C-alpha atoms as a PDB file:
ATOM      1  CA  UNK A   1       9.965   6.286 -12.841  1.00  0.00           C
ATOM      2  CA  UNK A   2       6.457   5.627 -14.153  1.00  0.00           C
ATOM      3  CA  UNK A   3       3.360   4.446 -12.293  1.00  0.00           C
ATOM      4  CA  UNK A   4       0.470   2.213 -13.282  1.00  0.00           C
ATOM      5  CA  UNK A   5      -2.314   4.399 -11.833  1.00  0.00           C
ATOM      6  CA  UNK A   6      -0.717   7.819 -11.517  1.00  0.00           C
ATOM      7  CA  UNK A   7       0.937  10.322 -13.842  1.00  0.00           C
ATOM      8  CA  UNK A   8       3.941  12.184 -12.437  1.00  0.00           C
ATOM      9  CA  UNK A   9       5.042  15.370 -14.164  1.00  0.00           C
ATOM     10  CA  UNK A  10       7.476  18.039 -13.059  1.00  0.00           C
ATOM     11  CA  UNK A  11       8.077  21.492 -14.472  1.00  0.00           C
ATOM     12  CA  UNK A  12       9.502  24.735 -13.093  1.00  0.00           C
ATOM     13  CA  UNK A  13       9.816  23.411  -9.557  1.00  0.00           C
ATOM     14  CA  UNK A  14       6.269  22.019  -9.442  1.00  0.00           C
ATOM     15  CA  UNK A  15       5.401  18.305  -9.362  1.00  0.00           C
ATOM     16  CA  UNK A  16       1.931  17.487 -10.700  1.00  0.00           C
ATOM     17  CA  UNK A  17       0.476  14.175  -9.517  1.00  0.00           C
ATOM     18  CA  UNK A  18      -2.543  13.011 -11.523  1.00  0.00           C
ATOM     19  CA  UNK A  19      -4.518  10.084 -10.155  1.00  0.00           C
ATOM     20  CA  UNK A  20      -5.127   8.027 -13.266  1.00  0.00           C
ATOM     21  CA  UNK A  21      -8.051   5.604 -13.127  1.00  0.00           C
ATOM     22  CA  UNK A  22     -10.542   7.738 -15.052  1.00  0.00           C
ATOM     23  CA  UNK A  23     -12.753   4.798 -15.951  1.00  0.00           C
ATOM     24  CA  UNK A  24     -13.453   4.393 -12.185  1.00  0.00           C
ATOM     25  CA  UNK A  25     -13.452   8.119 -11.356  1.00  0.00           C
ATOM     26  CA  UNK A  26      -9.973   7.548  -9.897  1.00  0.00           C
ATOM     27  CA  UNK A  27     -11.273   5.229  -7.174  1.00  0.00           C
ATOM     28  CA  UNK A  28      -8.578   4.035  -4.783  1.00  0.00           C
ATOM     29  CA  UNK A  29      -8.080   0.581  -6.225  1.00  0.00           C
ATOM     30  CA  UNK A  30      -5.397  -1.334  -8.085  1.00  0.00           C
ATOM     31  CA  UNK A  31      -2.012   0.319  -7.360  1.00  0.00           C
ATOM     32  CA  UNK A  32      -3.295   3.880  -6.837  1.00  0.00           C
ATOM     33  CA  UNK A  33      -2.794   3.973  -3.065  1.00  0.00           C
ATOM     34  CA  UNK A  34       0.816   2.843  -3.335  1.00  0.00           C
ATOM     35  CA  UNK A  35       1.462   4.998  -6.384  1.00  0.00           C
ATOM     36  CA  UNK A  36       0.148   8.080  -4.593  1.00  0.00           C
ATOM     37  CA  UNK A  37       2.247   7.470  -1.498  1.00  0.00           C
ATOM     38  CA  UNK A  38       5.405   6.866  -3.496  1.00  0.00           C
ATOM     39  CA  UNK A  39       4.853   9.963  -5.645  1.00  0.00           C
ATOM     40  CA  UNK A  40       4.292  12.213  -2.630  1.00  0.00           C
ATOM     41  CA  UNK A  41       7.456  10.943  -0.936  1.00  0.00           C
ATOM     42  CA  UNK A  42       9.364  11.262  -4.223  1.00  0.00           C
ATOM     43  CA  UNK A  43       8.314  14.892  -4.684  1.00  0.00           C
ATOM     44  CA  UNK A  44       8.963  15.649  -1.008  1.00  0.00           C
ATOM     45  CA  UNK A  45      12.509  14.297  -1.225  1.00  0.00           C
ATOM     46  CA  UNK A  46      13.390  16.008  -4.514  1.00  0.00           C
ATOM     47  CA  UNK A  47      15.206  19.309  -3.784  1.00  0.00           C
ATOM     48  CA  UNK A  48      14.222  20.600  -7.225  1.00  0.00           C
ATOM     49  CA  UNK A  49      10.516  20.399  -6.321  1.00  0.00           C
ATOM     50  CA  UNK A  50       9.078  23.261  -4.289  1.00  0.00           C
ATOM     51  CA  UNK A  51       5.336  22.695  -4.637  1.00  0.00           C
ATOM     52  CA  UNK A  52       3.098  19.703  -5.346  1.00  0.00           C
ATOM     53  CA  UNK A  53      -0.204  19.689  -7.253  1.00  0.00           C
ATOM     54  CA  UNK A  54      -2.646  16.797  -6.898  1.00  0.00           C
ATOM     55  CA  UNK A  55      -5.498  16.258  -9.357  1.00  0.00           C
ATOM     56  CA  UNK A  56      -7.483  13.548 -11.125  1.00  0.00           C
ATOM     57  CA  UNK A  57      -7.619  12.340 -14.708  1.00  0.00           C
ATOM     58  CA  UNK A  58     -10.867  12.560 -16.646  1.00  0.00           C
ATOM     59  CA  UNK A  59     -14.019  14.023 -15.142  1.00  0.00           C
ATOM     60  CA  UNK A  60     -13.386  13.202 -11.493  1.00  0.00           C
ATOM     61  CA  UNK A  61     -10.902  14.031  -8.756  1.00  0.00           C
ATOM     62  CA  UNK A  62     -11.327  10.828  -6.733  1.00  0.00           C
ATOM     63  CA  UNK A  63     -14.470   8.860  -5.939  1.00  0.00           C
ATOM     64  CA  UNK A  64     -12.938   7.274  -2.835  1.00  0.00           C
ATOM     65  CA  UNK A  65     -12.773   3.550  -2.257  1.00  0.00           C
ATOM     66  CA  UNK A  66     -13.471   1.199  -5.138  1.00  0.00           C
ATOM     67  CA  UNK A  67     -16.981   0.111  -4.115  1.00  0.00           C
ATOM     68  CA  UNK A  68     -17.190  -2.560  -6.820  1.00  0.00           C
ATOM     69  CA  UNK A  69     -14.081  -4.237  -5.454  1.00  0.00           C
ATOM     70  CA  UNK A  70     -15.416  -3.885  -1.902  1.00  0.00           C
ATOM     71  CA  UNK A  71     -18.585  -5.690  -2.954  1.00  0.00           C
ATOM     72  CA  UNK A  72     -16.644  -8.453  -4.693  1.00  0.00           C
ATOM     73  CA  UNK A  73     -14.516  -8.952  -1.591  1.00  0.00           C
ATOM     74  CA  UNK A  74     -17.566  -9.009   0.666  1.00  0.00           C
ATOM     75  CA  UNK A  75     -19.121 -11.731  -1.492  1.00  0.00           C
ATOM     76  CA  UNK A  76     -15.893 -13.716  -1.241  1.00  0.00           C
ATOM     77  CA  UNK A  77     -15.786 -13.143   2.523  1.00  0.00           C
ATOM     78  CA  UNK A  78     -12.533 -11.170   2.532  1.00  0.00           C
ATOM     79  CA  UNK A  79     -13.841  -7.672   3.315  1.00  0.00           C
ATOM     80  CA  UNK A  80     -12.429  -7.272   6.831  1.00  0.00           C
ATOM     81  CA  UNK A  81      -8.925  -8.606   6.091  1.00  0.00           C
ATOM     82  CA  UNK A  82      -8.779  -6.276   3.066  1.00  0.00           C
ATOM     83  CA  UNK A  83      -9.627  -3.247   5.236  1.00  0.00           C
ATOM     84  CA  UNK A  84      -6.949  -4.239   7.730  1.00  0.00           C
ATOM     85  CA  UNK A  85      -4.495  -4.570   4.862  1.00  0.00           C
ATOM     86  CA  UNK A  86      -5.386  -1.183   3.352  1.00  0.00           C
ATOM     87  CA  UNK A  87      -5.245   0.823   6.598  1.00  0.00           C
ATOM     88  CA  UNK A  88      -1.422   1.031   6.888  1.00  0.00           C
ATOM     89  CA  UNK A  89      -1.123   2.184   3.275  1.00  0.00           C
ATOM     90  CA  UNK A  90      -3.882   4.743   3.825  1.00  0.00           C
ATOM     91  CA  UNK A  91      -2.335   6.074   7.013  1.00  0.00           C
ATOM     92  CA  UNK A  92       1.165   6.430   5.641  1.00  0.00           C
ATOM     93  CA  UNK A  93      -0.180   8.320   2.631  1.00  0.00           C
ATOM     94  CA  UNK A  94      -2.165  10.819   4.708  1.00  0.00           C
ATOM     95  CA  UNK A  95       0.781  11.335   7.060  1.00  0.00           C
ATOM     96  CA  UNK A  96       3.152  11.783   4.111  1.00  0.00           C
ATOM     97  CA  UNK A  97       0.883  14.527   2.779  1.00  0.00           C
ATOM     98  CA  UNK A  98       0.780  16.328   6.112  1.00  0.00           C
ATOM     99  CA  UNK A  99       4.521  15.868   6.728  1.00  0.00           C
ATOM    100  CA  UNK A 100       5.540  16.866   3.191  1.00  0.00           C
ATOM    101  CA  UNK A 101       7.936  19.827   3.394  1.00  0.00           C
ATOM    102  CA  UNK A 102       6.456  21.175   0.155  1.00  0.00           C
ATOM    103  CA  UNK A 103       2.977  22.763   0.012  1.00  0.00           C
ATOM    104  CA  UNK A 104       0.309  20.534  -1.566  1.00  0.00           C
ATOM    105  CA  UNK A 105      -2.423  22.070  -3.712  1.00  0.00           C
ATOM    106  CA  UNK A 106      -5.474  20.032  -4.693  1.00  0.00           C
ATOM    107  CA  UNK A 107      -6.887  20.868  -8.119  1.00  0.00           C
ATOM    108  CA  UNK A 108     -10.372  19.435  -7.665  1.00  0.00           C
ATOM    109  CA  UNK A 109     -11.607  18.903 -11.204  1.00  0.00           C
ATOM    110  CA  UNK A 110     -14.762  16.911 -10.466  1.00  0.00           C
ATOM    111  CA  UNK A 111     -16.360  14.679  -7.820  1.00  0.00           C
ATOM    112  CA  UNK A 112     -14.347  14.246  -4.622  1.00  0.00           C
ATOM    113  CA  UNK A 113     -16.327  11.724  -2.598  1.00  0.00           C
ATOM    114  CA  UNK A 114     -15.611   9.716   0.524  1.00  0.00           C
ATOM    115  CA  UNK A 115     -11.889   9.116   0.788  1.00  0.00           C
ATOM    116  CA  UNK A 116     -11.470  11.322  -2.287  1.00  0.00           C
ATOM    117  CA  UNK A 117     -12.835  14.309  -0.386  1.00  0.00           C
ATOM    118  CA  UNK A 118     -10.515  13.602   2.519  1.00  0.00           C
ATOM    119  CA  UNK A 119      -7.490  13.322   0.250  1.00  0.00           C
ATOM    120  CA  UNK A 120      -8.351  16.822  -0.941  1.00  0.00           C
ATOM    121  CA  UNK A 121      -8.747  17.972   2.676  1.00  0.00           C
ATOM    122  CA  UNK A 122      -5.304  16.561   3.496  1.00  0.00           C
ATOM    123  CA  UNK A 123      -3.795  19.011   1.014  1.00  0.00           C
ATOM    124  CA  UNK A 124      -2.786  22.466   2.235  1.00  0.00           C
ATOM    125  CA  UNK A 125      -4.801  24.418  -0.348  1.00  0.00           C
ATOM    126  CA  UNK A 126      -7.755  23.450  -2.523  1.00  0.00           C
ATOM    127  CA  UNK A 127      -8.909  25.103  -5.745  1.00  0.00           C
ATOM    128  CA  UNK A 128     -12.007  23.725  -7.435  1.00  0.00           C
ATOM    129  CA  UNK A 129     -13.565  23.671 -10.853  1.00  0.00           C
ATOM    130  CA  UNK A 130     -17.219  24.625 -11.079  1.00  0.00           C
ATOM    131  CA  UNK A 131     -17.837  20.939 -11.855  1.00  0.00           C
ATOM    132  CA  UNK A 132     -16.377  19.807  -8.503  1.00  0.00           C
ATOM    133  CA  UNK A 133     -18.589  18.082  -5.967  1.00  0.00           C
ATOM    134  CA  UNK A 134     -17.710  17.141  -2.396  1.00  0.00           C
ATOM    135  CA  UNK A 135     -19.278  14.530  -0.155  1.00  0.00           C
ATOM    136  CA  UNK A 136     -18.456  12.546   2.987  1.00  0.00           C
ATOM    137  CA  UNK A 137     -20.535   9.768   1.480  1.00  0.00           C
ATOM    138  CA  UNK A 138     -19.466   6.957   3.819  1.00  0.00           C
ATOM    139  CA  UNK A 139     -22.801   6.714   5.658  1.00  0.00           C
ATOM    140  CA  UNK A 140     -24.575   6.081   2.372  1.00  0.00           C
ATOM    141  CA  UNK A 141     -22.627   2.810   2.212  1.00  0.00           C
ATOM    142  CA  UNK A 142     -23.040   2.029   5.915  1.00  0.00           C
ATOM    143  CA  UNK A 143     -19.368   2.822   6.504  1.00  0.00           C
ATOM    144  CA  UNK A 144     -17.377   5.015   8.868  1.00  0.00           C
ATOM    145  CA  UNK A 145     -15.394   8.024   7.724  1.00  0.00           C
ATOM    146  CA  UNK A 146     -11.713   7.373   7.079  1.00  0.00           C
ATOM    147  CA  UNK A 147      -8.675   8.946   5.382  1.00  0.00           C
ATOM    148  CA  UNK A 148      -8.671  11.579   8.148  1.00  0.00           C
ATOM    149  CA  UNK A 149     -12.110  13.060   7.540  1.00  0.00           C
ATOM    150  CA  UNK A 150     -13.015  13.296  11.233  1.00  0.00           C
ATOM    151  CA  UNK A 151      -9.754  15.190  11.812  1.00  0.00           C
ATOM    152  CA  UNK A 152      -9.665  17.517   8.814  1.00  0.00           C
ATOM    153  CA  UNK A 153     -13.288  18.489   8.268  1.00  0.00           C
ATOM    154  CA  UNK A 154     -14.148  19.950  11.719  1.00  0.00           C
ATOM    155  CA  UNK A 155     -10.980  22.036  11.611  1.00  0.00           C
ATOM    156  CA  UNK A 156     -12.103  23.586   8.328  1.00  0.00           C
ATOM    157  CA  UNK A 157     -15.879  23.978   8.641  1.00  0.00           C
ATOM    158  CA  UNK A 158     -16.461  23.731  12.406  1.00  0.00           C
ATOM    159  CA  UNK A 159     -17.830  20.827  14.396  1.00  0.00           C
ATOM    160  CA  UNK A 160     -21.548  21.344  13.782  1.00  0.00           C
ATOM    161  CA  UNK A 161     -21.251  21.549   9.994  1.00  0.00           C
ATOM    162  CA  UNK A 162     -18.820  18.640   9.952  1.00  0.00           C
ATOM    163  CA  UNK A 163     -21.351  16.577  11.891  1.00  0.00           C
ATOM    164  CA  UNK A 164     -24.073  17.499   9.406  1.00  0.00           C
ATOM    165  CA  UNK A 165     -21.993  16.616   6.355  1.00  0.00           C
ATOM    166  CA  UNK A 166     -20.730  13.353   7.851  1.00  0.00           C
ATOM    167  CA  UNK A 167     -24.038  12.205   9.375  1.00  0.00           C
ATOM    168  CA  UNK A 168     -26.022  12.859   6.178  1.00  0.00           C
ATOM    169  CA  UNK A 169     -23.443  12.089   3.483  1.00  0.00           C
ATOM    170  CA  UNK A 170     -24.786  15.140   1.633  1.00  0.00           C
ATOM    171  CA  UNK A 171     -23.000  16.109  -1.564  1.00  0.00           C
ATOM    172  CA  UNK A 172     -22.279  19.817  -1.941  1.00  0.00           C
ATOM    173  CA  UNK A 173     -21.248  21.791  -5.002  1.00  0.00           C
ATOM    174  CA  UNK A 174     -18.149  23.923  -5.494  1.00  0.00           C
ATOM    175  CA  UNK A 175     -19.849  27.189  -4.543  1.00  0.00           C
ATOM    176  CA  UNK A 176     -21.011  25.820  -1.199  1.00  0.00           C
ATOM    177  CA  UNK A 177     -17.537  24.392  -0.638  1.00  0.00           C
ATOM    178  CA  UNK A 178     -16.172  27.892  -1.229  1.00  0.00           C
ATOM    179  CA  UNK A 179     -18.642  29.396   1.249  1.00  0.00           C
ATOM    180  CA  UNK A 180     -17.643  26.817   3.879  1.00  0.00           C
ATOM    181  CA  UNK A 181     -13.925  27.434   3.352  1.00  0.00           C
ATOM    182  CA  UNK A 182     -13.282  23.946   1.990  1.00  0.00           C
ATOM    183  CA  UNK A 183     -11.837  25.511  -1.159  1.00  0.00           C
ATOM    184  CA  UNK A 184     -10.242  28.918  -1.527  1.00  0.00           C
ATOM    185  CA  UNK A 185     -11.220  29.538  -5.151  1.00  0.00           C
ATOM    186  CA  UNK A 186     -13.653  28.257  -7.784  1.00  0.00           C
ATOM    187  CA  UNK A 187     -12.868  28.640 -11.480  1.00  0.00           C
ATOM    188  CA  UNK A 188     -14.182  27.452 -14.827  1.00  0.00           C
ATOM    189  CA  UNK A 189     -13.010  23.945 -15.817  1.00  0.00           C
ATOM    190  CA  UNK A 190     -10.640  25.241 -18.488  1.00  0.00           C
ATOM    191  CA  UNK A 191      -9.074  27.661 -15.995  1.00  0.00           C
ATOM    192  CA  UNK A 192      -8.444  25.119 -13.220  1.00  0.00           C
ATOM    193  CA  UNK A 193      -4.985  23.835 -14.036  1.00  0.00           C
ATOM    194  CA  UNK A 194      -3.634  27.203 -15.243  1.00  0.00           C
ATOM    195  CA  UNK A 195      -4.878  28.828 -12.008  1.00  0.00           C
ATOM    196  CA  UNK A 196      -3.443  26.074  -9.826  1.00  0.00           C
ATOM    197  CA  UNK A 197      -0.074  26.107 -11.571  1.00  0.00           C
ATOM    198  CA  UNK A 198       0.081  29.883 -11.347  1.00  0.00           C
ATOM    199  CA  UNK A 199      -0.310  29.610  -7.578  1.00  0.00           C
ATOM    200  CA  UNK A 200       2.114  26.661  -7.365  1.00  0.00           C
ATOM    201  CA  UNK A 201       4.776  28.554  -9.277  1.00  0.00           C
ATOM    202  CA  UNK A 202       4.287  31.594  -7.071  1.00  0.00           C
ATOM    203  CA  UNK A 203       4.944  29.359  -4.059  1.00  0.00           C
ATOM    204  CA  UNK A 204       7.856  27.655  -5.832  1.00  0.00           C
ATOM    205  CA  UNK A 205       9.493  31.048  -6.335  1.00  0.00           C
ATOM    206  CA  UNK A 206       9.508  31.636  -2.588  1.00  0.00           C
ATOM    207  CA  UNK A 207      12.108  30.633   0.040  1.00  0.00           C
ATOM    208  CA  UNK A 208      11.630  26.882   0.582  1.00  0.00           C
ATOM    209  CA  UNK A 209      13.127  26.750   4.080  1.00  0.00           C
ATOM    210  CA  UNK A 210      10.834  29.487   5.370  1.00  0.00           C
ATOM    211  CA  UNK A 211       7.796  27.937   3.670  1.00  0.00           C
ATOM    212  CA  UNK A 212       8.585  24.473   5.019  1.00  0.00           C
ATOM    213  CA  UNK A 213       8.854  25.816   8.573  1.00  0.00           C
ATOM    214  CA  UNK A 214       5.719  27.937   8.149  1.00  0.00           C
ATOM    215  CA  UNK A 215       3.732  24.859   7.097  1.00  0.00           C
ATOM    216  CA  UNK A 216       4.978  22.985  10.146  1.00  0.00           C
ATOM    217  CA  UNK A 217       4.155  25.920  12.434  1.00  0.00           C
ATOM    218  CA  UNK A 218       0.655  26.371  11.037  1.00  0.00           C
ATOM    219  CA  UNK A 219      -0.383  22.773  11.647  1.00  0.00           C
ATOM    220  CA  UNK A 220       1.450  22.546  14.952  1.00  0.00           C
ATOM    221  CA  UNK A 221      -0.427  25.603  16.216  1.00  0.00           C
ATOM    222  CA  UNK A 222      -3.766  23.808  15.760  1.00  0.00           C
ATOM    223  CA  UNK A 223      -2.931  21.470  18.614  1.00  0.00           C
ATOM    224  CA  UNK A 224      -0.940  23.647  21.010  1.00  0.00           C
ATOM    225  CA  UNK A 225      -1.433  26.780  23.103  1.00  0.00           C
ATOM    226  CA  UNK A 226      -0.371  30.306  22.144  1.00  0.00           C
ATOM    227  CA  UNK A 227       2.821  30.208  24.202  1.00  0.00           C
ATOM    228  CA  UNK A 228       3.985  27.038  22.430  1.00  0.00           C
ATOM    229  CA  UNK A 229       3.114  28.539  19.047  1.00  0.00           C
ATOM    230  CA  UNK A 230       5.155  31.659  19.818  1.00  0.00           C
ATOM    231  CA  UNK A 231       8.097  29.548  20.943  1.00  0.00           C
ATOM    232  CA  UNK A 232       8.055  27.555  17.709  1.00  0.00           C
ATOM    233  CA  UNK A 233       7.864  30.768  15.684  1.00  0.00           C
ATOM    234  CA  UNK A 234      10.991  31.994  17.467  1.00  0.00           C
ATOM    235  CA  UNK A 235      12.748  28.710  16.725  1.00  0.00           C
ATOM    236  CA  UNK A 236      11.764  28.865  13.038  1.00  0.00           C
ATOM    237  CA  UNK A 237      12.672  32.523  12.687  1.00  0.00           C
ATOM    238  CA  UNK A 238      16.114  31.908  14.156  1.00  0.00           C
ATOM    239  CA  UNK A 239      16.725  29.195  11.553  1.00  0.00           C
ATOM    240  CA  UNK A 240      15.475  31.332   8.663  1.00  0.00           C
ATOM    241  CA  UNK A 241      17.400  34.434   9.691  1.00  0.00           C
ATOM    242  CA  UNK A 242      20.694  32.553   9.235  1.00  0.00           C
ATOM    243  CA  UNK A 243      19.959  31.318   5.701  1.00  0.00           C
ATOM    244  CA  UNK A 244      21.303  32.613   2.421  1.00  0.00           C
ATOM    245  CA  UNK A 245      17.696  33.085   1.345  1.00  0.00           C
ATOM    246  CA  UNK A 246      17.140  35.594   4.162  1.00  0.00           C
ATOM    247  CA  UNK A 247      20.219  37.551   3.130  1.00  0.00           C
ATOM    248  CA  UNK A 248      19.046  37.442  -0.486  1.00  0.00           C
ATOM    249  CA  UNK A 249      15.545  38.589   0.476  1.00  0.00           C
ATOM    250  CA  UNK A 250      16.857  41.572   2.410  1.00  0.00           C
ATOM    251  CA  UNK A 251      19.385  42.468  -0.286  1.00  0.00           C
ATOM    252  CA  UNK A 252      16.766  42.211  -3.019  1.00  0.00           C
ATOM    253  CA  UNK A 253      14.464  44.507  -1.050  1.00  0.00           C
ATOM    254  CA  UNK A 254      17.199  47.119  -0.657  1.00  0.00           C
ATOM    255  CA  UNK A 255      18.174  46.807  -4.323  1.00  0.00           C
ATOM    256  CA  UNK A 256      14.508  46.956  -5.400  1.00  0.00           C
ATOM    257  CA  UNK A 257      14.579  43.728  -7.407  1.00  0.00           C
ATOM    258  CA  UNK A 258      12.830  40.335  -7.163  1.00  0.00           C
ATOM    259  CA  UNK A 259      14.648  37.920  -4.853  1.00  0.00           C
ATOM    260  CA  UNK A 260      16.190  34.732  -6.203  1.00  0.00           C
ATOM    261  CA  UNK A 261      15.797  32.086  -3.516  1.00  0.00           C
ATOM    262  CA  UNK A 262      18.012  28.995  -3.646  1.00  0.00           C
ATOM    263  CA  UNK A 263      16.775  27.026  -0.640  1.00  0.00           C
ATOM    264  CA  UNK A 264      19.979  27.539   1.322  1.00  0.00           C
END
């Protein structure tokens, strides 16, 4: 299946989703919201896919909402109905990213502003090019943060820094994003996709059942107490210990060879 505003590619167990409106810095207009949601669900449901990479075409990752379209709709008096119409699509996309059983890696190749920054934050891991820029730029347009920014950002940088970034709309570079823990690595532009795919393939080579449960446990633990986290770990470990992958992992260790995980 092909998309109007997104490129879907799969290789070696990794699905690469490229937001493809480069002439608008991949702003979330036209069919991009629906394309992105469909592609995430498609990769999540495909047993051959074990990791998902999200990036942008051209010189930007995603500039957020399509401000030109917003302005046109405001002039026509249809701004509020449009927002109400977009919200369900937005919410289902963010929830699909968080609920995806496969790890999501954002390859931030350029500006990630407004909703674009929060799409990156919704991914599990972020690697940035030196040309990446991040900004919760909503206040500069007189708008409120959306796409989960008020949820994701404080959990990554702490409440005080999240307040500063959201209240000011300040744009930060990749190195500051690294210092704040927004990204885990910064590389030269030409090294971005090779570095991201190297990590994605390393994840794809792992046991998918254990990784899926670990992702669920990690996010669940953010909103529960230690006792509940320990109980879920026991539940997940009991499931994993009965899998063929666990037997393969133990056997491979004893035989001193790399394991070959099948997701069973």
